[in-house]
Amino acid sequence: MLTILTPGAFDALANGVAPIGLRLVQDSSIASQEVLRMLSDLNRGVDEEFSPSAWLIVEDGEVVGLCSITRPPENGDVHIGYGVAPSREGRGYTTAAISELLRWACGDARVRNISAETAGDNIGSHRVLERNGFVQSGERVDPEDGPLICWTIATT
């Protein structure tokens, strides 16, 4: 389900092109071109210090979403972000992808904790994290995204 996303593949996605051997969701985008370019730039910075740092969420050869480390890890603490195409929400893809990411993290000695943040009203994302054992660890207000719930899980 998770496939490592290389910088070149990230650029292809930002240009509306599926990585070789895969196809894009036709009825909705996994993210806007602007967001994909921002994530690609972010990934390049993180990937210089920590790799792998981004994955495609793939189901039956179709790229349904993304999952990535959103900032360089510090002392074993990794922060993630994720999303799926709106037309693919509610099918369990994200829950399965985060479960797979946790299995990877538990096998990587560089990772001790994983954190994530969700919008306060994003109940689906709350459930994804809860199903994977994350616990609420606080709240904060982001100037762009508004109120966020902070989540964490230990991998050791």
N, C-alpha and C. Protein backbone atom coordinates (compact mmCIF):
# COMPACT_ATOMS: atom_id res chain seq x y z
N MET A 1 0.82 -1.19 0.00
CA MET A 1 0.00 0.00 0.00
C MET A 1 0.86 1.26 0.00
N LEU A 2 1.92 1.33 0.82
CA LEU A 2 2.82 2.49 0.80
C LEU A 2 3.96 2.23 -0.18
N THR A 3 4.24 3.21 -1.00
CA THR A 3 5.34 3.16 -1.95
C THR A 3 6.18 4.41 -1.72
N ILE A 4 7.49 4.24 -1.56
CA ILE A 4 8.36 5.39 -1.32
C ILE A 4 8.22 6.37 -2.47
N LEU A 5 8.08 7.64 -2.12
CA LEU A 5 7.89 8.71 -3.09
C LEU A 5 9.21 9.45 -3.25
N THR A 6 9.81 9.35 -4.42
CA THR A 6 11.07 10.03 -4.70
C THR A 6 10.79 11.49 -5.07
N PRO A 7 11.81 12.35 -4.95
CA PRO A 7 11.61 13.75 -5.36
C PRO A 7 11.13 13.88 -6.80
N GLY A 8 11.67 13.08 -7.71
CA GLY A 8 11.24 13.14 -9.10
C GLY A 8 9.78 12.75 -9.27
N ALA A 9 9.34 11.74 -8.53
CA ALA A 9 7.94 11.33 -8.59
C ALA A 9 7.03 12.40 -7.99
N PHE A 10 7.54 13.08 -6.95
CA PHE A 10 6.78 14.18 -6.35
C PHE A 10 6.57 15.28 -7.39
N ASP A 11 7.63 15.61 -8.12
CA ASP A 11 7.53 16.63 -9.16
C ASP A 11 6.53 16.20 -10.22
N ALA A 12 6.56 14.93 -10.61
CA ALA A 12 5.62 14.42 -11.60
C ALA A 12 4.18 14.61 -11.12
N LEU A 13 3.93 14.25 -9.86
CA LEU A 13 2.58 14.42 -9.31
C LEU A 13 2.15 15.88 -9.37
N ALA A 14 3.08 16.79 -9.02
CA ALA A 14 2.76 18.21 -9.04
C ALA A 14 2.41 18.69 -10.45
N ASN A 15 2.90 17.96 -11.46
CA ASN A 15 2.59 18.29 -12.85
C ASN A 15 1.44 17.44 -13.41
N GLY A 16 0.77 16.70 -12.53
CA GLY A 16 -0.39 15.92 -12.93
C GLY A 16 -0.07 14.62 -13.63
N VAL A 17 1.15 14.10 -13.40
CA VAL A 17 1.60 12.87 -14.04
C VAL A 17 1.81 11.79 -12.97
N ALA A 18 1.28 10.61 -13.21
CA ALA A 18 1.46 9.50 -12.26
C ALA A 18 2.87 8.93 -12.40
N PRO A 19 3.47 8.51 -11.30
CA PRO A 19 4.75 7.79 -11.39
C PRO A 19 4.57 6.54 -12.26
N ILE A 20 5.65 6.09 -12.86
CA ILE A 20 5.62 4.95 -13.78
C ILE A 20 4.95 3.74 -13.12
N GLY A 21 4.04 3.13 -13.87
CA GLY A 21 3.36 1.92 -13.43
C GLY A 21 2.12 2.18 -12.59
N LEU A 22 1.83 3.45 -12.31
CA LEU A 22 0.67 3.79 -11.48
C LEU A 22 -0.25 4.71 -12.26
N ARG A 23 -1.45 4.90 -11.75
CA ARG A 23 -2.38 5.85 -12.35
C ARG A 23 -2.94 6.76 -11.26
N LEU A 24 -3.36 7.94 -11.67
CA LEU A 24 -3.94 8.91 -10.75
C LEU A 24 -5.44 8.71 -10.63
N VAL A 25 -5.99 9.09 -9.50
CA VAL A 25 -7.43 9.12 -9.31
C VAL A 25 -7.99 10.09 -10.36
N GLN A 26 -9.00 9.68 -11.09
CA GLN A 26 -9.54 10.50 -12.17
C GLN A 26 -10.64 11.46 -11.71
N ASP A 27 -11.37 11.11 -10.65
CA ASP A 27 -12.51 11.93 -10.28
C ASP A 27 -12.24 12.95 -9.18
N SER A 28 -11.04 12.97 -8.62
CA SER A 28 -10.66 14.01 -7.67
C SER A 28 -9.16 13.96 -7.44
N SER A 29 -8.58 15.10 -7.18
CA SER A 29 -7.14 15.19 -6.99
C SER A 29 -6.78 14.87 -5.53
N ILE A 30 -5.58 14.30 -5.34
CA ILE A 30 -5.14 14.04 -3.97
C ILE A 30 -4.75 15.34 -3.28
N ALA A 31 -4.38 16.35 -4.06
CA ALA A 31 -4.07 17.69 -3.54
C ALA A 31 -3.93 18.63 -4.73
N SER A 32 -4.04 19.92 -4.48
CA SER A 32 -3.87 20.90 -5.56
C SER A 32 -2.41 20.94 -6.01
N GLN A 33 -2.16 21.44 -7.20
CA GLN A 33 -0.79 21.57 -7.69
C GLN A 33 0.04 22.42 -6.74
N GLU A 34 -0.54 23.47 -6.21
CA GLU A 34 0.16 24.35 -5.26
C GLU A 34 0.60 23.57 -4.02
N VAL A 35 -0.31 22.79 -3.47
CA VAL A 35 0.01 22.00 -2.28
C VAL A 35 1.05 20.94 -2.61
N LEU A 36 0.91 20.28 -3.76
CA LEU A 36 1.89 19.26 -4.15
C LEU A 36 3.27 19.86 -4.34
N ARG A 37 3.36 21.04 -4.92
CA ARG A 37 4.67 21.70 -5.07
C ARG A 37 5.26 22.06 -3.71
N MET A 38 4.41 22.57 -2.81
CA MET A 38 4.88 22.90 -1.46
C MET A 38 5.38 21.64 -0.75
N LEU A 39 4.63 20.55 -0.87
CA LEU A 39 5.03 19.29 -0.24
C LEU A 39 6.31 18.74 -0.87
N SER A 40 6.46 18.92 -2.17
CA SER A 40 7.68 18.47 -2.86
C SER A 40 8.89 19.23 -2.33
N ASP A 41 8.76 20.54 -2.19
CA ASP A 41 9.86 21.36 -1.64
C ASP A 41 10.17 20.94 -0.20
N LEU A 42 9.13 20.74 0.58
CA LEU A 42 9.30 20.31 1.96
C LEU A 42 10.00 18.97 2.02
N ASN A 43 9.57 18.05 1.16
CA ASN A 43 10.17 16.73 1.11
C ASN A 43 11.65 16.77 0.78
N ARG A 44 12.04 17.64 -0.14
CA ARG A 44 13.46 17.74 -0.50
C ARG A 44 14.30 18.14 0.71
N GLY A 45 13.79 19.06 1.52
CA GLY A 45 14.51 19.48 2.72
C GLY A 45 14.62 18.38 3.75
N VAL A 46 13.53 17.67 3.99
CA VAL A 46 13.54 16.59 4.97
C VAL A 46 14.39 15.43 4.46
N ASP A 47 14.25 15.11 3.17
CA ASP A 47 14.93 13.97 2.58
C ASP A 47 16.46 14.11 2.65
N GLU A 48 16.97 15.34 2.69
CA GLU A 48 18.41 15.54 2.81
C GLU A 48 18.94 15.02 4.15
N GLU A 49 18.10 15.05 5.18
CA GLU A 49 18.50 14.63 6.52
C GLU A 49 17.95 13.26 6.92
N PHE A 50 16.82 12.86 6.32
CA PHE A 50 16.13 11.66 6.77
C PHE A 50 15.37 11.06 5.60
N SER A 51 15.68 9.83 5.28
CA SER A 51 15.03 9.18 4.15
C SER A 51 14.74 7.72 4.51
N PRO A 52 13.60 7.17 4.09
CA PRO A 52 12.59 7.81 3.27
C PRO A 52 11.79 8.82 4.09
N SER A 53 11.20 9.77 3.38
CA SER A 53 10.42 10.79 4.08
C SER A 53 9.05 11.04 3.46
N ALA A 54 8.73 10.34 2.38
CA ALA A 54 7.41 10.49 1.77
C ALA A 54 7.01 9.20 1.06
N TRP A 55 5.72 8.93 1.09
CA TRP A 55 5.18 7.71 0.50
C TRP A 55 3.89 8.02 -0.25
N LEU A 56 3.67 7.28 -1.31
CA LEU A 56 2.39 7.28 -1.99
C LEU A 56 1.51 6.25 -1.29
N ILE A 57 0.23 6.54 -1.18
CA ILE A 57 -0.74 5.55 -0.73
C ILE A 57 -1.37 5.01 -2.01
N VAL A 58 -1.12 3.73 -2.28
CA VAL A 58 -1.52 3.12 -3.54
C VAL A 58 -2.48 1.96 -3.27
N GLU A 59 -3.55 1.93 -4.03
CA GLU A 59 -4.51 0.83 -3.95
C GLU A 59 -4.83 0.37 -5.37
N ASP A 60 -4.57 -0.90 -5.64
CA ASP A 60 -4.84 -1.47 -6.97
C ASP A 60 -4.22 -0.64 -8.10
N GLY A 61 -2.98 -0.19 -7.90
CA GLY A 61 -2.27 0.56 -8.93
C GLY A 61 -2.66 2.02 -9.06
N GLU A 62 -3.55 2.48 -8.20
CA GLU A 62 -4.02 3.86 -8.25
C GLU A 62 -3.45 4.64 -7.06
N VAL A 63 -2.88 5.82 -7.34
CA VAL A 63 -2.38 6.69 -6.28
C VAL A 63 -3.58 7.37 -5.64
N VAL A 64 -3.92 6.95 -4.41
CA VAL A 64 -5.10 7.50 -3.75
C VAL A 64 -4.76 8.55 -2.71
N GLY A 65 -3.46 8.65 -2.33
CA GLY A 65 -3.08 9.63 -1.33
C GLY A 65 -1.59 9.70 -1.11
N LEU A 66 -1.23 10.50 -0.12
CA LEU A 66 0.17 10.73 0.25
C LEU A 66 0.33 10.67 1.75
N CYS A 67 1.52 10.33 2.18
CA CYS A 67 1.88 10.37 3.58
C CYS A 67 3.33 10.83 3.62
N SER A 68 3.67 11.77 4.50
CA SER A 68 5.05 12.24 4.53
C SER A 68 5.45 12.72 5.91
N ILE A 69 6.76 12.75 6.10
CA ILE A 69 7.35 13.39 7.27
C ILE A 69 7.41 14.86 6.92
N THR A 70 6.86 15.71 7.78
CA THR A 70 6.67 17.11 7.42
C THR A 70 7.76 18.06 7.91
N ARG A 71 8.67 17.56 8.70
CA ARG A 71 9.82 18.37 9.13
C ARG A 71 10.94 17.44 9.55
N PRO A 72 12.17 17.92 9.48
CA PRO A 72 13.28 17.03 9.87
C PRO A 72 13.08 16.50 11.29
N PRO A 73 13.27 15.20 11.47
CA PRO A 73 13.11 14.61 12.80
C PRO A 73 14.12 15.19 13.79
N GLU A 74 13.69 15.26 15.04
CA GLU A 74 14.56 15.73 16.12
C GLU A 74 14.58 14.69 17.23
N ASN A 75 15.75 14.19 17.57
CA ASN A 75 15.92 13.24 18.66
C ASN A 75 14.95 12.06 18.57
N GLY A 76 14.73 11.57 17.37
CA GLY A 76 13.85 10.42 17.19
C GLY A 76 12.38 10.75 17.08
N ASP A 77 12.04 12.03 17.15
CA ASP A 77 10.64 12.45 17.03
C ASP A 77 10.33 12.81 15.58
N VAL A 78 9.36 12.12 14.99
CA VAL A 78 8.98 12.30 13.60
C VAL A 78 7.56 12.84 13.55
N HIS A 79 7.35 13.88 12.74
CA HIS A 79 6.02 14.47 12.58
C HIS A 79 5.52 14.14 11.19
N ILE A 80 4.30 13.61 11.09
CA ILE A 80 3.75 13.19 9.80
C ILE A 80 2.51 13.99 9.41
N GLY A 81 2.26 13.97 8.12
CA GLY A 81 1.03 14.48 7.55
C GLY A 81 0.57 13.48 6.50
N TYR A 82 -0.71 13.50 6.17
CA TYR A 82 -1.25 12.53 5.22
C TYR A 82 -2.56 13.04 4.65
N GLY A 83 -2.95 12.46 3.55
CA GLY A 83 -4.24 12.80 2.96
C GLY A 83 -4.55 11.87 1.81
N VAL A 84 -5.83 11.73 1.52
CA VAL A 84 -6.28 10.94 0.39
C VAL A 84 -7.22 11.79 -0.46
N ALA A 85 -7.38 11.38 -1.71
CA ALA A 85 -8.31 12.06 -2.60
C ALA A 85 -9.70 12.02 -1.97
N PRO A 86 -10.43 13.13 -2.02
CA PRO A 86 -11.76 13.16 -1.41
C PRO A 86 -12.67 12.02 -1.85
N SER A 87 -12.57 11.61 -3.11
CA SER A 87 -13.43 10.52 -3.58
C SER A 87 -13.02 9.16 -3.05
N ARG A 88 -11.87 9.09 -2.36
CA ARG A 88 -11.39 7.82 -1.80
C ARG A 88 -11.44 7.80 -0.28
N GLU A 89 -11.98 8.85 0.33
CA GLU A 89 -12.10 8.90 1.79
C GLU A 89 -13.12 7.88 2.27
N GLY A 90 -12.95 7.44 3.51
CA GLY A 90 -13.91 6.53 4.13
C GLY A 90 -13.81 5.09 3.68
N ARG A 91 -12.74 4.74 3.00
CA ARG A 91 -12.58 3.36 2.51
C ARG A 91 -11.50 2.60 3.28
N GLY A 92 -10.91 3.22 4.30
CA GLY A 92 -9.90 2.53 5.10
C GLY A 92 -8.48 2.66 4.59
N TYR A 93 -8.29 3.35 3.46
CA TYR A 93 -6.94 3.47 2.90
C TYR A 93 -5.98 4.19 3.84
N THR A 94 -6.45 5.28 4.44
CA THR A 94 -5.56 6.05 5.30
C THR A 94 -5.24 5.28 6.58
N THR A 95 -6.21 4.63 7.16
CA THR A 95 -5.97 3.83 8.36
C THR A 95 -4.93 2.75 8.07
N ALA A 96 -5.08 2.06 6.94
CA ALA A 96 -4.12 1.01 6.57
C ALA A 96 -2.74 1.60 6.30
N ALA A 97 -2.69 2.76 5.65
CA ALA A 97 -1.39 3.38 5.34
C ALA A 97 -0.67 3.81 6.61
N ILE A 98 -1.38 4.39 7.55
CA ILE A 98 -0.74 4.80 8.81
C ILE A 98 -0.30 3.57 9.60
N SER A 99 -1.06 2.50 9.56
CA SER A 99 -0.65 1.26 10.20
C SER A 99 0.65 0.75 9.60
N GLU A 100 0.75 0.77 8.28
CA GLU A 100 1.98 0.34 7.60
C GLU A 100 3.15 1.26 7.94
N LEU A 101 2.88 2.55 8.01
CA LEU A 101 3.93 3.51 8.38
C LEU A 101 4.43 3.23 9.80
N LEU A 102 3.53 2.89 10.70
CA LEU A 102 3.93 2.56 12.07
C LEU A 102 4.80 1.31 12.11
N ARG A 103 4.46 0.30 11.31
CA ARG A 103 5.31 -0.90 11.26
C ARG A 103 6.72 -0.54 10.78
N TRP A 104 6.80 0.31 9.76
CA TRP A 104 8.12 0.77 9.30
C TRP A 104 8.85 1.49 10.42
N ALA A 105 8.17 2.44 11.08
CA ALA A 105 8.80 3.25 12.12
C ALA A 105 9.28 2.39 13.29
N CYS A 106 8.51 1.38 13.66
CA CYS A 106 8.91 0.51 14.77
C CYS A 106 10.17 -0.29 14.43
N GLY A 107 10.44 -0.48 13.15
CA GLY A 107 11.64 -1.20 12.73
C GLY A 107 12.81 -0.30 12.41
N ASP A 108 12.64 1.00 12.56
CA ASP A 108 13.71 1.95 12.25
C ASP A 108 14.21 2.56 13.56
N ALA A 109 15.44 2.24 13.93
CA ALA A 109 16.00 2.69 15.21
C ALA A 109 16.09 4.20 15.33
N ARG A 110 15.99 4.92 14.22
CA ARG A 110 16.05 6.39 14.26
C ARG A 110 14.77 7.01 14.78
N VAL A 111 13.68 6.23 14.82
CA VAL A 111 12.36 6.77 15.16
C VAL A 111 11.94 6.28 16.54
N ARG A 112 11.61 7.21 17.44
CA ARG A 112 11.12 6.85 18.78
C ARG A 112 9.66 7.23 18.98
N ASN A 113 9.26 8.34 18.40
CA ASN A 113 7.88 8.83 18.54
C ASN A 113 7.41 9.40 17.21
N ILE A 114 6.12 9.27 16.97
CA ILE A 114 5.52 9.90 15.80
C ILE A 114 4.41 10.82 16.29
N SER A 115 4.38 12.01 15.72
CA SER A 115 3.32 12.95 16.04
C SER A 115 2.59 13.36 14.77
N ALA A 116 1.37 13.84 14.95
CA ALA A 116 0.54 14.33 13.85
C ALA A 116 -0.39 15.38 14.42
N GLU A 117 -0.97 16.17 13.54
CA GLU A 117 -1.96 17.16 13.95
C GLU A 117 -3.16 17.07 13.02
N THR A 118 -4.33 17.29 13.59
CA THR A 118 -5.56 17.27 12.80
C THR A 118 -6.38 18.50 13.13
N ALA A 119 -7.17 18.94 12.16
CA ALA A 119 -8.13 20.01 12.42
C ALA A 119 -9.12 19.50 13.45
N GLY A 120 -9.57 20.38 14.30
CA GLY A 120 -10.49 19.99 15.36
C GLY A 120 -11.76 19.33 14.86
N ASP A 121 -12.21 19.72 13.66
CA ASP A 121 -13.46 19.17 13.13
C ASP A 121 -13.25 18.02 12.14
N ASN A 122 -12.02 17.54 12.00
CA ASN A 122 -11.74 16.46 11.05
C ASN A 122 -11.86 15.11 11.76
N ILE A 123 -13.09 14.71 12.01
CA ILE A 123 -13.38 13.50 12.77
C ILE A 123 -12.80 12.26 12.09
N GLY A 124 -12.85 12.19 10.77
CA GLY A 124 -12.30 11.04 10.05
C GLY A 124 -10.81 10.86 10.34
N SER A 125 -10.07 11.96 10.35
CA SER A 125 -8.64 11.88 10.63
C SER A 125 -8.39 11.53 12.09
N HIS A 126 -9.23 12.02 12.98
CA HIS A 126 -9.10 11.64 14.40
C HIS A 126 -9.23 10.12 14.52
N ARG A 127 -10.21 9.55 13.83
CA ARG A 127 -10.45 8.11 13.91
C ARG A 127 -9.28 7.31 13.34
N VAL A 128 -8.68 7.80 12.25
CA VAL A 128 -7.52 7.13 11.65
C VAL A 128 -6.42 7.00 12.70
N LEU A 129 -6.13 8.10 13.38
CA LEU A 129 -5.06 8.08 14.38
C LEU A 129 -5.43 7.24 15.59
N GLU A 130 -6.66 7.37 16.08
CA GLU A 130 -7.09 6.57 17.23
C GLU A 130 -7.03 5.07 16.91
N ARG A 131 -7.46 4.68 15.73
CA ARG A 131 -7.43 3.26 15.34
C ARG A 131 -6.00 2.72 15.32
N ASN A 132 -5.04 3.60 15.13
CA ASN A 132 -3.63 3.20 15.07
C ASN A 132 -2.90 3.42 16.39
N GLY A 133 -3.62 3.75 17.45
CA GLY A 133 -3.01 3.84 18.77
C GLY A 133 -2.48 5.20 19.16
N PHE A 134 -2.65 6.21 18.34
CA PHE A 134 -2.22 7.56 18.71
C PHE A 134 -3.13 8.07 19.84
N VAL A 135 -2.57 8.93 20.69
CA VAL A 135 -3.36 9.56 21.74
C VAL A 135 -3.22 11.07 21.61
N GLN A 136 -4.27 11.77 22.02
CA GLN A 136 -4.22 13.23 22.00
C GLN A 136 -3.17 13.69 23.00
N SER A 137 -2.32 14.60 22.55
CA SER A 137 -1.25 15.10 23.42
C SER A 137 -1.30 16.60 23.63
N GLY A 138 -2.32 17.25 23.08
CA GLY A 138 -2.46 18.69 23.27
C GLY A 138 -3.24 19.33 22.14
N GLU A 139 -3.26 20.64 22.18
CA GLU A 139 -3.93 21.44 21.16
C GLU A 139 -3.09 22.67 20.90
N ARG A 140 -3.24 23.25 19.70
CA ARG A 140 -2.59 24.50 19.39
C ARG A 140 -3.38 25.21 18.30
N VAL A 141 -3.11 26.48 18.12
CA VAL A 141 -3.76 27.24 17.07
C VAL A 141 -2.69 27.64 16.06
N ASP A 142 -2.90 27.22 14.81
CA ASP A 142 -1.99 27.56 13.73
C ASP A 142 -2.53 28.81 13.03
N PRO A 143 -1.65 29.77 12.70
CA PRO A 143 -2.12 30.99 12.05
C PRO A 143 -2.86 30.74 10.73
N GLU A 144 -2.48 29.69 9.99
CA GLU A 144 -3.13 29.40 8.71
C GLU A 144 -4.25 28.38 8.83
N ASP A 145 -4.04 27.35 9.65
CA ASP A 145 -4.99 26.24 9.72
C ASP A 145 -5.99 26.32 10.87
N GLY A 146 -5.79 27.25 11.79
CA GLY A 146 -6.71 27.39 12.91
C GLY A 146 -6.44 26.37 14.01
N PRO A 147 -7.47 26.03 14.80
CA PRO A 147 -7.30 25.11 15.93
C PRO A 147 -6.93 23.69 15.45
N LEU A 148 -5.90 23.15 16.08
CA LEU A 148 -5.43 21.80 15.74
C LEU A 148 -5.35 20.94 16.99
N ILE A 149 -5.61 19.66 16.83
CA ILE A 149 -5.40 18.68 17.90
C ILE A 149 -4.09 17.98 17.62
N CYS A 150 -3.25 17.87 18.64
CA CYS A 150 -1.94 17.23 18.52
C CYS A 150 -2.06 15.78 19.00
N TRP A 151 -1.40 14.88 18.27
CA TRP A 151 -1.46 13.44 18.55
C TRP A 151 -0.05 12.89 18.59
N THR A 152 0.15 11.80 19.35
CA THR A 152 1.47 11.17 19.41
C THR A 152 1.34 9.67 19.69
N ILE A 153 2.40 8.96 19.30
CA ILE A 153 2.51 7.54 19.61
C ILE A 153 3.99 7.21 19.72
N ALA A 154 4.34 6.37 20.69
CA ALA A 154 5.73 5.90 20.84
C ALA A 154 5.91 4.68 19.94
N THR A 155 7.10 4.55 19.36
CA THR A 155 7.38 3.41 18.49
C THR A 155 8.35 2.43 19.14
N THR A 156 8.83 2.76 20.32
CA THR A 156 9.79 1.88 21.00
C THR A 156 9.17 1.20 22.19
